[in-house]
Amino acid sequence: MKAKYNRISSIDQSLARQTANSSKFDKVYNDKISGCVSFFERKEAKKLVAEVEAGNITEVHINELSRVGRDIIDVLTVCKYFTDRNVNLFIENIGMYSMIDGKPSPTFSMIVSVLSNVSCMERESMIFRQKQGIEIARLSNKYKGRANGTTMTEEQILDKYKVVVRELNAGQSLRRSALLGQCSLGTAQRIQKILLNKKSLVA
């Protein structure tokens, strides 16, 4: 069977571009999760892996490499996983298969390594520019972030981190909730404590 794997980072994004050709596949898996989360830890990806292990999937399509992951090690691990199980991976935006005539394609491996490195460098550069911009704004007294020494009420925290609240209420882990909510693990722990206190008051 041929399968399509799609991923978006948050519920606010649209899957429309990735799912436009869904009718061509026997199975379609749609994950709404950060690319920083390992492919093998994602809900829909786990279902895909189960079908691969059962020998039901022979070909997997993804819209672009970043759908698999943001980390070069994760990307290469996933590609190797499919190749080791004779599952041909096709990346739509570069029009390449991981295997040709049942054998691993050296060109595919080279291009995937290069693209993964470039993607990783772009991400690190973006984070650096963001931090640099904040620092420049601080020096110019134009930074709009929360001033030192100020605090937020519990209700303001819950309102600011709605994604974290939703994930924790759904029984998800602190690490996953922090990743999806784009906050630190410490903030997620604080939110969990607030939610537990509220529940105890109601009980």
Foldseek 3Di string as FASTA:
>chain_A
DEEEEAEAAAPVDDCCVWCVPVVVGPYYFYFHHDLADQLCPTDRSVVVVVCLVVVNAQEYEYQAQCRRHLALVSSVVVLVVCLVSNRWYAHNVVGDIQDDPSHGDPVVVVVSNVVSVVSNVVVVVVVVVVVVVQVVCVVVVNRPDDDPPDDDDLVVLCVLQVQLVVCVVVVHDLVRSCRSSVHDSVSSVVNNVVVVVVVVVVD
